[in-house]
N, C-alpha and C. Protein backbone atom coordinates (compact mmCIF):
# COMPACT_ATOMS: atom_id res chain seq x y z
N MET A 1 77.30 137.35 150.34
CA MET A 1 76.60 136.77 148.84
C MET A 1 75.37 136.22 149.64
N THR A 2 74.30 136.05 148.48
CA THR A 2 73.33 135.87 148.47
C THR A 2 72.88 134.35 147.60
N THR A 3 71.52 133.84 148.63
CA THR A 3 71.43 132.86 148.22
C THR A 3 70.00 133.00 146.56
N PRO A 4 70.05 131.58 145.65
CA PRO A 4 69.53 132.25 144.94
C PRO A 4 67.94 131.67 145.16
N THR A 5 66.87 132.23 144.64
CA THR A 5 65.91 132.38 144.99
C THR A 5 65.19 131.30 144.16
N ASP A 6 63.88 130.79 144.50
CA ASP A 6 63.26 129.20 143.86
C ASP A 6 63.18 129.48 142.13
N ASP A 7 62.97 130.48 141.79
CA ASP A 7 62.76 131.06 140.37
C ASP A 7 64.12 131.16 139.76
N GLU A 8 65.14 131.49 140.18
CA GLU A 8 66.74 131.44 139.89
C GLU A 8 67.03 130.17 139.58
N THR A 9 66.17 128.95 140.67
CA THR A 9 67.28 127.43 140.70
C THR A 9 66.39 126.70 139.70
N THR A 10 65.76 127.43 139.02
CA THR A 10 64.57 126.68 138.17
C THR A 10 65.50 126.75 136.45
N LEU A 11 65.43 124.75 136.27
CA LEU A 11 66.03 124.70 135.23
C LEU A 11 65.27 124.50 134.17
N PRO A 12 65.28 125.00 132.49
CA PRO A 12 65.04 125.22 131.83
C PRO A 12 63.99 124.43 131.19
N ALA A 13 64.48 122.51 131.54
CA ALA A 13 63.72 121.80 131.24
C ALA A 13 62.38 122.11 132.02
N GLU A 14 62.39 122.26 133.28
CA GLU A 14 61.19 122.31 134.15
C GLU A 14 60.35 123.94 133.93
N GLN A 15 61.27 124.48 133.50
CA GLN A 15 60.52 125.82 132.67
C GLN A 15 59.57 125.14 131.60
N SER A 16 60.14 124.60 131.11
CA SER A 16 59.37 123.80 129.32
C SER A 16 58.33 123.15 130.33
N ALA A 17 58.52 122.46 130.93
CA ALA A 17 57.31 121.68 131.55
C ALA A 17 56.10 121.98 132.07
N ALA A 18 56.62 122.77 132.92
CA ALA A 18 56.02 124.32 133.43
C ALA A 18 54.99 124.88 132.22
N ALA A 19 55.10 124.74 131.10
CA ALA A 19 54.98 126.07 130.07
C ALA A 19 53.62 124.90 129.51
N GLY A 20 53.65 123.73 129.50
CA GLY A 20 52.96 122.88 128.81
C GLY A 20 53.28 121.83 127.54
N PRO A 21 52.56 120.63 127.29
CA PRO A 21 53.28 120.07 126.69
C PRO A 21 53.17 120.14 125.01
N GLY A 22 52.61 121.39 125.01
CA GLY A 22 52.60 121.90 123.42
C GLY A 22 53.80 122.34 122.87
N SER A 23 54.13 123.05 123.97
CA SER A 23 55.84 123.81 124.02
C SER A 23 56.65 123.37 123.96
N LEU A 24 56.87 121.60 124.88
CA LEU A 24 57.59 120.64 124.34
C LEU A 24 57.70 120.05 122.92
N GLU A 25 56.65 120.22 122.84
CA GLU A 25 55.96 119.18 121.05
C GLU A 25 57.62 119.93 120.27
N ALA A 26 56.74 121.79 120.49
CA ALA A 26 57.47 122.36 119.53
C ALA A 26 59.24 122.37 119.32
N GLU A 27 59.59 122.57 120.85
CA GLU A 27 60.94 122.56 120.96
C GLU A 27 61.59 120.94 120.60
N LEU A 28 61.00 120.06 120.64
CA LEU A 28 61.16 118.96 120.01
C LEU A 28 61.53 119.10 118.41
N LEU A 29 60.43 119.21 117.86
CA LEU A 29 60.42 119.38 116.53
C LEU A 29 61.53 120.36 116.04
N ASP A 30 61.44 121.74 116.75
CA ASP A 30 63.07 122.54 116.30
C ASP A 30 64.13 121.95 116.44
N ALA A 31 64.27 120.92 117.82
CA ALA A 31 65.59 120.57 117.70
C ALA A 31 65.66 119.31 116.67
N GLN A 32 64.44 118.64 116.46
CA GLN A 32 64.67 117.89 115.23
C GLN A 32 65.10 118.22 113.81
N ALA A 33 64.57 119.57 113.69
CA ALA A 33 65.11 120.18 112.33
C ALA A 33 66.31 121.17 112.17
N ARG A 34 67.21 120.96 113.87
CA ARG A 34 68.37 121.57 113.81
C ARG A 34 69.15 120.00 113.57
N ALA A 35 68.80 119.07 114.00
CA ALA A 35 69.69 118.08 114.14
C ALA A 35 69.94 117.51 112.64
N GLN A 36 68.34 117.87 111.88
CA GLN A 36 68.59 117.44 110.21
C GLN A 36 69.04 118.08 109.66
N GLU A 37 69.51 119.38 110.05
CA GLU A 37 70.45 120.53 108.76
C GLU A 37 71.75 119.88 109.53
N HIS A 38 71.94 119.36 110.56
CA HIS A 38 73.44 119.57 111.30
C HIS A 38 74.10 118.35 110.22
N TRP A 39 72.95 117.25 110.31
CA TRP A 39 73.35 115.82 109.60
C TRP A 39 73.41 115.80 108.23
N ASN A 40 72.61 117.05 107.38
CA ASN A 40 72.92 117.39 105.87
C ASN A 40 74.05 118.18 106.06
N SER A 41 74.22 119.10 106.55
CA SER A 41 75.87 119.98 106.42
C SER A 41 77.31 118.85 106.55
N TYR A 42 77.07 117.93 107.55
CA TYR A 42 78.04 117.02 107.54
C TYR A 42 78.34 116.09 106.30
N LEU A 43 76.93 115.82 106.05
CA LEU A 43 76.99 114.65 104.64
C LEU A 43 77.78 115.68 103.49
N ARG A 44 77.11 116.72 103.08
CA ARG A 44 77.62 117.89 102.48
C ARG A 44 79.44 117.64 102.55
N ALA A 45 79.57 117.91 103.42
CA ALA A 45 81.27 117.96 104.25
C ALA A 45 81.76 116.76 103.43
N VAL A 46 81.06 115.67 104.27
CA VAL A 46 81.76 114.12 103.29
C VAL A 46 82.15 114.10 101.92
N ALA A 47 81.08 114.23 101.58
CA ALA A 47 81.13 114.02 100.21
C ALA A 47 82.43 115.50 99.38
N GLU A 48 82.33 116.19 100.15
CA GLU A 48 83.09 117.28 99.61
C GLU A 48 84.55 116.90 99.62
N THR A 49 84.58 116.62 100.30
CA THR A 49 86.34 115.80 100.85
C THR A 49 86.42 114.87 100.14
N GLU A 50 85.58 113.81 100.04
CA GLU A 50 85.50 112.92 98.86
C GLU A 50 85.98 113.14 97.66
N ASN A 51 85.45 114.44 97.00
CA ASN A 51 85.76 115.00 95.85
C ASN A 51 87.07 115.35 95.45
N VAL A 52 87.39 116.45 97.33
CA VAL A 52 88.83 116.70 96.62
C VAL A 52 89.55 115.69 96.86
N ARG A 53 89.74 114.53 97.41
CA ARG A 53 90.28 113.18 97.61
C ARG A 53 90.73 112.91 95.83
N LYS A 54 89.61 112.58 95.54
CA LYS A 54 89.65 112.10 94.24
C LYS A 54 89.93 112.80 92.96
N ARG A 55 89.77 114.15 93.12
CA ARG A 55 90.28 114.61 92.40
C ARG A 55 91.82 115.21 92.33
N ALA A 56 92.25 115.03 93.85
CA ALA A 56 93.91 114.99 93.60
C ALA A 56 94.59 113.71 93.53
N LEU A 57 93.75 112.81 93.67
CA LEU A 57 94.58 111.02 93.11
C LEU A 57 94.44 111.19 91.66
N ARG A 58 93.47 111.72 90.72
CA ARG A 58 93.18 111.85 89.34
C ARG A 58 94.78 112.90 89.37
N ASP A 59 94.94 114.18 89.78
CA ASP A 59 95.93 114.63 89.27
C ASP A 59 97.06 114.36 89.37
N VAL A 60 97.68 113.58 90.57
CA VAL A 60 98.57 112.83 90.84
C VAL A 60 99.16 111.73 89.71
N GLU A 61 97.93 111.46 89.65
CA GLU A 61 97.88 110.41 88.39
C GLU A 61 98.86 110.81 86.83
N ALA A 62 97.87 111.85 86.35
CA ALA A 62 98.01 112.87 85.27
C ALA A 62 99.28 113.21 85.34
N ALA A 63 99.98 113.84 86.73
CA ALA A 63 101.03 114.28 86.78
C ALA A 63 102.37 113.33 86.53
N SER A 64 102.16 112.12 87.05
CA SER A 64 103.47 110.99 87.35
C SER A 64 103.05 110.28 85.58
N ARG A 65 102.06 110.19 84.74
CA ARG A 65 102.32 109.89 83.87
C ARG A 65 102.51 110.50 82.34
N TYR A 66 102.33 111.84 82.73
CA TYR A 66 103.26 112.82 81.58
C TYR A 66 104.12 113.73 81.75
N ALA A 67 104.65 112.98 83.30
CA ALA A 67 105.84 113.82 83.65
C ALA A 67 107.18 114.10 82.61
N VAL A 68 107.23 113.38 81.68
CA VAL A 68 108.58 113.48 80.80
C VAL A 68 108.10 113.73 79.41
N GLU A 69 106.49 114.21 79.35
CA GLU A 69 106.19 114.39 78.26
C GLU A 69 106.83 115.62 77.46
N ARG A 70 107.21 116.89 78.44
CA ARG A 70 107.97 118.12 77.93
C ARG A 70 109.14 117.78 77.30
N PHE A 71 109.94 116.63 78.09
CA PHE A 71 111.40 116.56 77.87
C PHE A 71 111.53 115.11 76.58
N ALA A 72 110.73 114.81 76.58
CA ALA A 72 110.26 113.96 75.05
C ALA A 72 110.11 115.21 74.25
N GLY A 73 109.60 115.56 74.45
CA GLY A 73 109.11 117.00 73.30
C GLY A 73 110.66 117.37 72.72
N GLU A 74 111.24 117.64 73.86
CA GLU A 74 112.52 118.66 73.52
C GLU A 74 113.64 117.09 72.60
N LEU A 75 113.44 116.25 73.03
CA LEU A 75 114.47 114.85 72.85
C LEU A 75 113.85 114.64 71.14
N LEU A 76 112.97 115.09 70.58
CA LEU A 76 112.18 114.56 69.28
C LEU A 76 112.83 115.50 68.35
N GLU A 77 113.86 116.58 68.04
CA GLU A 77 114.35 117.38 67.92
C GLU A 77 115.77 116.87 67.57
N ALA A 78 116.27 116.39 68.51
CA ALA A 78 117.41 115.74 68.71
C ALA A 78 117.60 114.18 67.40
N ARG A 79 116.40 113.83 68.00
CA ARG A 79 115.82 112.17 67.07
C ARG A 79 116.09 112.65 65.66
N ASP A 80 115.20 113.59 65.34
CA ASP A 80 115.21 114.21 63.66
C ASP A 80 116.43 114.48 63.12
N SER A 81 116.76 115.02 64.33
CA SER A 81 118.49 115.44 63.54
C SER A 81 119.56 114.51 63.13
N LEU A 82 119.12 113.12 64.02
CA LEU A 82 119.91 112.11 63.65
C LEU A 82 119.41 111.15 62.64
N GLU A 83 118.24 111.56 62.24
CA GLU A 83 117.42 110.52 61.25
C GLU A 83 117.82 110.81 59.97
N LEU A 84 118.39 112.56 59.74
CA LEU A 84 118.24 113.29 59.13
C LEU A 84 120.58 112.95 58.64
N GLY A 85 121.14 112.53 59.46
CA GLY A 85 122.22 112.53 59.39
C GLY A 85 122.05 110.90 59.29
N LEU A 86 121.49 109.98 59.41
CA LEU A 86 121.32 108.31 58.44
C LEU A 86 120.80 108.35 56.85
N ALA A 87 120.25 109.56 57.21
CA ALA A 87 119.57 109.62 55.38
C ALA A 87 120.56 110.21 54.38
N VAL A 88 121.71 110.71 55.00
CA VAL A 88 122.53 111.19 53.95
C VAL A 88 123.53 109.90 53.29
N GLY A 89 124.03 109.00 53.93
CA GLY A 89 124.15 107.64 53.30
C GLY A 89 125.91 107.82 53.75
N PRO A 90 126.79 106.52 53.24
CA PRO A 90 127.70 106.47 53.60
C PRO A 90 128.76 107.39 52.62
N GLY A 91 127.82 107.72 51.68
CA GLY A 91 129.09 108.94 50.89
C GLY A 91 129.47 110.26 51.39
N ALA A 92 128.45 110.56 52.46
CA ALA A 92 128.66 112.13 53.17
C ALA A 92 129.51 112.80 53.41
N ASP A 93 130.30 113.66 53.02
CA ASP A 93 131.25 114.54 53.85
C ASP A 93 131.60 114.06 55.59
N PRO A 94 132.58 113.82 55.87
CA PRO A 94 132.69 113.60 57.43
C PRO A 94 132.96 114.81 57.47
N ALA A 95 132.94 115.43 57.47
CA ALA A 95 132.99 117.51 58.04
C ALA A 95 132.01 117.22 58.24
N ARG A 96 130.75 117.32 57.52
CA ARG A 96 129.36 117.71 57.47
C ARG A 96 128.44 116.70 58.41
N LEU A 97 129.31 115.55 58.77
CA LEU A 97 128.54 114.72 59.49
C LEU A 97 128.89 115.01 61.00
N PHE A 98 130.21 114.93 60.78
CA PHE A 98 130.89 115.80 62.30
C PHE A 98 129.99 116.83 62.71
N GLU A 99 129.82 117.70 61.98
CA GLU A 99 129.14 119.05 62.18
C GLU A 99 127.07 118.68 62.67
N GLY A 100 126.54 117.97 62.30
CA GLY A 100 125.85 117.66 62.54
C GLY A 100 125.88 116.83 63.76
N MET A 101 126.41 115.84 63.93
CA MET A 101 126.48 115.66 65.31
C MET A 101 126.69 116.52 66.60
N GLU A 102 127.54 117.23 66.38
CA GLU A 102 127.88 118.52 67.17
C GLU A 102 126.40 119.42 67.43
N ALA A 103 126.05 119.61 66.57
CA ALA A 103 124.46 120.05 66.15
C ALA A 103 123.22 119.17 67.40
N THR A 104 123.45 118.10 67.06
CA THR A 104 122.50 117.14 67.87
C THR A 104 122.88 117.12 69.21
N LEU A 105 124.18 116.91 69.57
CA LEU A 105 124.31 116.54 70.79
C LEU A 105 124.25 118.45 71.83
N ARG A 106 123.88 119.55 71.17
CA ARG A 106 123.76 120.81 71.89
C ARG A 106 122.16 120.45 71.68
N LEU A 107 121.80 119.76 71.02
CA LEU A 107 120.08 119.48 70.88
C LEU A 107 119.94 119.10 72.13
N VAL A 108 120.48 117.85 72.40
CA VAL A 108 120.13 117.06 74.00
C VAL A 108 120.67 117.50 75.26
N ASP A 109 121.76 118.60 74.91
CA ASP A 109 122.39 119.47 76.24
C ASP A 109 121.19 120.38 76.25
N ARG A 110 120.85 121.00 75.09
CA ARG A 110 119.66 121.72 76.22
C ARG A 110 118.57 121.52 76.24
N ALA A 111 118.23 120.02 75.74
CA ALA A 111 116.86 119.23 76.62
C ALA A 111 117.01 118.94 78.29
N PHE A 112 118.46 118.37 78.19
CA PHE A 112 118.68 118.06 79.28
C PHE A 112 118.38 119.25 80.21
N GLU A 113 119.20 120.62 80.23
CA GLU A 113 119.10 121.65 80.65
C GLU A 113 117.66 122.26 81.25
N LYS A 114 116.88 122.06 80.10
CA LYS A 114 115.52 122.41 80.42
C LYS A 114 114.92 121.41 81.59
N ALA A 115 115.45 120.21 81.30
CA ALA A 115 114.59 119.20 82.28
C ALA A 115 115.32 119.30 83.78
N GLY A 116 116.37 120.11 83.79
CA GLY A 116 116.95 120.00 85.04
C GLY A 116 117.78 118.68 85.03
N VAL A 117 118.38 118.42 84.38
CA VAL A 117 119.61 117.24 84.38
C VAL A 117 121.06 118.03 84.13
N GLN A 118 121.50 117.99 85.01
CA GLN A 118 123.33 118.30 85.18
C GLN A 118 124.46 117.03 84.87
N VAL A 119 125.54 117.69 84.15
CA VAL A 119 126.41 116.17 83.73
C VAL A 119 127.49 116.33 84.57
N VAL A 120 127.93 115.57 85.12
CA VAL A 120 128.67 115.21 85.95
C VAL A 120 130.20 114.80 85.70
N ASP A 121 131.04 116.41 85.72
CA ASP A 121 132.40 115.93 85.09
C ASP A 121 133.44 115.91 85.46
N PRO A 122 133.68 115.24 86.83
CA PRO A 122 135.00 115.71 88.04
C PRO A 122 136.36 115.39 87.60
N THR A 123 137.01 115.76 86.40
CA THR A 123 138.27 115.78 85.65
C THR A 123 138.94 116.62 86.91
N GLY A 124 140.19 116.17 87.45
CA GLY A 124 140.64 117.13 88.30
C GLY A 124 140.09 117.23 90.15
N GLN A 125 139.16 117.19 90.20
CA GLN A 125 138.50 116.88 91.24
C GLN A 125 138.78 115.87 92.34
N PRO A 126 138.55 116.09 93.98
CA PRO A 126 138.94 114.27 94.53
C PRO A 126 137.67 113.69 94.09
N PHE A 127 138.15 112.60 94.32
CA PHE A 127 136.96 111.52 94.16
C PHE A 127 136.25 111.24 95.39
N ASN A 128 134.90 111.28 94.55
CA ASN A 128 133.88 111.55 95.82
C ASN A 128 132.62 110.57 95.46
N PRO A 129 132.83 109.15 96.51
CA PRO A 129 132.33 107.59 95.58
C PRO A 129 130.52 108.16 96.03
N GLU A 130 130.36 109.49 96.48
CA GLU A 130 128.57 109.43 96.10
C GLU A 130 128.20 109.61 94.45
N PHE A 131 129.34 109.91 94.15
CA PHE A 131 128.90 110.78 92.42
C PHE A 131 130.08 110.48 91.52
N HIS A 132 130.63 109.63 91.99
CA HIS A 132 131.70 108.76 90.97
C HIS A 132 131.85 107.54 91.20
N GLU A 133 132.08 106.62 90.26
CA GLU A 133 132.32 105.03 90.36
C GLU A 133 134.21 105.26 89.90
N ALA A 134 134.59 104.63 90.57
CA ALA A 134 136.32 104.49 90.01
C ALA A 134 136.15 103.25 89.19
N MET A 135 136.80 103.34 88.25
CA MET A 135 137.05 102.49 87.20
C MET A 135 138.12 101.39 87.19
N ALA A 136 139.15 101.73 87.82
CA ALA A 136 140.86 102.25 88.28
C ALA A 136 141.27 103.53 88.50
N THR A 137 142.43 102.37 88.90
CA THR A 137 143.46 103.61 90.22
C THR A 137 144.51 103.43 89.36
N GLN A 138 145.49 104.82 89.08
CA GLN A 138 146.55 104.80 87.93
C GLN A 138 147.89 105.48 88.83
N PRO A 139 148.40 105.46 89.28
CA PRO A 139 149.60 105.98 89.65
C PRO A 139 150.36 107.32 89.14
N SER A 140 150.65 108.31 89.95
CA SER A 140 150.45 109.24 89.52
C SER A 140 151.12 110.53 90.57
N ALA A 141 152.35 111.26 90.11
CA ALA A 141 153.40 111.72 90.87
C ALA A 141 152.76 113.31 90.48
N GLU A 142 152.10 113.68 89.37
CA GLU A 142 151.86 115.26 89.77
C GLU A 142 150.17 115.33 90.28
N HIS A 143 149.30 114.39 90.17
CA HIS A 143 148.56 114.34 91.32
C HIS A 143 148.38 113.99 92.72
N PRO A 144 147.61 114.65 93.72
CA PRO A 144 147.71 113.88 94.83
C PRO A 144 146.67 112.58 94.49
N PRO A 145 147.12 111.93 95.87
CA PRO A 145 145.78 110.16 95.60
C PRO A 145 144.48 110.69 96.06
N GLY A 146 144.26 109.90 95.14
CA GLY A 146 142.51 109.97 95.32
C GLY A 146 141.75 111.21 94.38
N THR A 147 142.92 111.78 93.42
CA THR A 147 141.85 112.65 92.22
C THR A 147 141.76 111.97 91.40
N VAL A 148 140.69 112.64 90.15
CA VAL A 148 139.94 111.93 89.13
C VAL A 148 140.64 112.64 88.74
N LEU A 149 141.89 111.39 87.46
CA LEU A 149 142.62 111.81 86.58
C LEU A 149 141.87 111.94 85.12
N ALA A 150 140.67 111.25 84.80
CA ALA A 150 140.36 110.84 83.47
C ALA A 150 138.42 110.31 84.10
N VAL A 151 137.71 111.11 83.01
CA VAL A 151 136.42 110.95 83.23
C VAL A 151 135.75 109.46 81.83
N VAL A 152 135.88 108.36 82.30
CA VAL A 152 135.68 107.13 81.08
C VAL A 152 134.46 107.34 80.55
N GLN A 153 133.13 107.84 81.48
CA GLN A 153 131.89 108.06 81.34
C GLN A 153 131.06 108.97 82.21
N LYS A 154 130.49 110.24 81.60
CA LYS A 154 129.97 111.16 82.54
C LYS A 154 128.81 110.97 83.36
N GLY A 155 128.86 111.75 83.97
CA GLY A 155 127.29 111.01 85.35
C GLY A 155 126.85 111.74 85.13
N TYR A 156 125.17 111.81 85.59
CA TYR A 156 124.19 112.75 85.12
C TYR A 156 123.29 112.71 86.39
N VAL A 157 122.82 114.35 87.03
CA VAL A 157 122.39 114.27 88.61
C VAL A 157 120.85 114.94 87.88
N LEU A 158 119.64 114.88 87.94
CA LEU A 158 118.67 115.61 87.70
C LEU A 158 118.01 115.99 89.05
N ASN A 159 117.73 117.41 89.11
CA ASN A 159 117.52 118.37 90.10
C ASN A 159 118.06 117.75 91.80
N GLY A 160 119.45 117.32 91.59
CA GLY A 160 120.38 117.25 92.91
C GLY A 160 120.35 115.59 93.38
N ARG A 161 119.83 115.26 92.41
CA ARG A 161 119.22 113.17 92.66
C ARG A 161 120.12 112.73 91.45
N LEU A 162 121.10 111.96 91.85
CA LEU A 162 122.23 110.96 91.28
C LEU A 162 121.20 109.84 90.11
N LEU A 163 121.64 110.21 89.05
CA LEU A 163 120.90 109.66 88.08
C LEU A 163 121.87 108.45 87.81
N ARG A 164 123.50 108.90 87.49
CA ARG A 164 124.17 107.81 87.00
C ARG A 164 125.52 108.76 87.33
N PRO A 165 126.57 107.61 87.98
CA PRO A 165 127.80 108.52 88.81
C PRO A 165 128.78 108.51 87.26
N ALA A 166 129.56 109.20 87.42
CA ALA A 166 130.44 109.32 86.50
C ALA A 166 131.20 108.32 86.85
N ARG A 167 131.80 107.60 85.61
CA ARG A 167 132.96 106.36 85.79
C ARG A 167 134.23 106.94 85.27
N VAL A 168 134.72 106.46 86.66
CA VAL A 168 136.56 107.79 86.71
C VAL A 168 137.87 106.64 86.55
N LEU A 169 138.60 107.48 86.34
CA LEU A 169 140.34 107.14 87.20
C LEU A 169 140.61 108.06 87.83
N VAL A 170 141.09 107.07 89.09
CA VAL A 170 141.72 107.82 89.79
C VAL A 170 142.69 107.63 90.15
N SER A 171 143.91 108.78 90.83
CA SER A 171 145.22 108.81 90.82
C SER A 171 145.48 108.03 92.39
N ARG A 172 146.72 107.02 92.16
CA ARG A 172 147.39 106.78 93.33
C ARG A 172 148.54 107.07 93.59
N GLU A 173 149.02 106.53 94.55
CA GLU A 173 150.89 107.24 94.70
C GLU A 173 151.57 106.29 93.82
N PRO A 174 152.87 107.06 93.19
CA PRO A 174 153.13 105.72 92.31
C PRO A 174 153.83 104.49 92.97
N ASP A 175 154.23 103.64 92.26
CA ASP A 175 154.81 102.35 93.00
C ASP A 175 156.04 102.70 93.03
N PRO A 176 156.47 102.51 94.47
CA PRO A 176 158.25 102.73 94.61
C PRO A 176 159.30 101.85 94.18
N ALA A 177 158.45 100.29 93.69
CA ALA A 177 159.56 99.71 92.59
C ALA A 177 159.64 100.32 91.27
N ALA A 178 159.19 101.16 91.36
CA ALA A 178 158.79 101.55 89.62
C ALA A 178 159.94 102.79 89.59
N ASN A 179 160.40 103.08 90.52
CA ASN A 179 161.70 104.34 90.30
C ASN A 179 163.18 103.63 90.02
């Protein structure tokens, strides 16, 4: 192994000092210019980050404010249909009114489908407390206990999230005294 010579162990600052005061001033000015350039880059990055944050907040606010806009537009057809049915008056043919109600229900179902709303109609299925609300139990020899016998009110799920549970009648074992 060789030992370094005096020329190799000299530090850059010592070399600059040996070069004279004029070159130190030039290096200082160069370092200050680079520092200013880095500071300006930092300020631009901070400003850009702040702009992105504000834009994201505006986008989230607009999304939440107008989230139901498409769904509401779909329901306008159903509302118009209901108004037409009411405008007919009390002397209208009941069969035609029934047809109109069915058409309106189809419009609402189509709007629900487009919005991702699904109907929970569990007739004949096992009772599930996550999606069903038992209104009453009823003895039944034909169905195993805990089976949904009838739906009092349908439930609804929006994209996998429960909006309203189905209200149901649930089977139970028949009373032994009733035999």
